[in-house]
Amino acid sequence: MNNFVQYYMDARKKDSKPENRQLIFTAVARSIAEMGTIEDLKSLVSYYESEWGKNFDEENNIA
């Protein structure tokens, strides 16, 4: 896990509202565009997608 993904995770812990998830992702992605690498972005997208799947399953009571 890289620092950008960790930052995203920390920000989501502080603000776990579903409607703010995309805003947080966008802010971190912009930071990656300025200071990161394509690998950083791939890691963030991978985590974001896995988080969405997990949240979708929990909200819809899917085991």
Protein backbone atom coordinates (compact mmCIF):
# COMPACT_ATOMS: atom_id res chain seq x y z
CA MET A 1 0.00 0.00 0.00
CA ASN A 2 1.34 3.41 -0.87
CA ASN A 3 1.03 6.74 0.94
CA PHE A 4 -1.75 7.99 -1.34
CA VAL A 5 -3.94 4.97 -0.59
CA GLN A 6 -3.20 5.37 3.11
CA TYR A 7 -4.17 9.03 2.93
CA TYR A 8 -7.43 8.08 1.17
CA MET A 9 -8.17 5.48 3.84
CA ASP A 10 -7.49 7.97 6.64
CA ALA A 11 -9.70 10.60 5.00
CA ARG A 12 -12.52 8.06 4.62
CA LYS A 13 -12.25 7.17 8.31
CA LYS A 14 -12.73 10.84 9.19
CA ASP A 15 -15.56 11.31 6.69
CA SER A 16 -17.36 8.07 5.92
CA LYS A 17 -20.41 9.62 4.28
CA PRO A 18 -21.09 7.78 1.01
CA GLU A 19 -21.80 11.03 -0.82
CA ASN A 20 -18.28 12.32 -0.03
CA ARG A 21 -16.45 9.20 -1.18
CA GLN A 22 -16.03 10.38 -4.76
CA LEU A 23 -14.90 13.85 -3.64
CA ILE A 24 -12.17 12.33 -1.49
CA PHE A 25 -11.12 10.01 -4.32
CA THR A 26 -10.93 12.94 -6.74
CA ALA A 27 -8.80 15.00 -4.36
CA VAL A 28 -6.34 12.15 -3.86
CA ALA A 29 -6.25 11.42 -7.60
CA ARG A 30 -5.39 15.07 -8.27
CA SER A 31 -2.56 14.84 -5.77
CA ILE A 32 -1.28 11.76 -7.56
CA ALA A 33 -1.44 13.64 -10.88
CA GLU A 34 0.79 16.35 -9.42
CA MET A 35 3.20 14.29 -7.33
CA GLY A 36 2.69 10.58 -7.97
CA THR A 37 3.12 7.88 -10.56
CA ILE A 38 0.80 5.77 -12.67
CA GLU A 39 1.41 2.93 -10.21
CA ASP A 40 0.12 5.14 -7.39
CA LEU A 41 -3.02 5.82 -9.39
CA LYS A 42 -3.51 2.12 -10.18
CA SER A 43 -3.23 1.32 -6.47
CA LEU A 44 -5.78 3.97 -5.55
CA VAL A 45 -8.24 2.81 -8.21
CA SER A 46 -7.83 -0.80 -7.15
CA TYR A 47 -8.52 0.06 -3.52
CA TYR A 48 -11.44 2.33 -4.46
CA GLU A 49 -13.05 -0.44 -6.51
CA SER A 50 -12.58 -3.01 -3.75
CA GLU A 51 -14.05 -0.59 -1.21
CA TRP A 52 -17.09 -0.01 -3.41
CA GLY A 53 -17.69 -3.74 -3.72
CA LYS A 54 -17.38 -4.23 0.03
CA ASN A 55 -19.71 -1.32 0.81
CA PHE A 56 -22.23 -2.48 -1.79
CA ASP A 57 -22.27 -5.96 -0.29
CA GLU A 58 -22.72 -4.61 3.25
CA GLU A 59 -25.50 -2.22 2.25
CA ASN A 60 -27.35 -4.97 0.40
CA ASN A 61 -26.68 -7.69 3.01
CA ILE A 62 -24.69 -9.85 0.60
CA ALA A 63 -22.27 -12.25 2.26
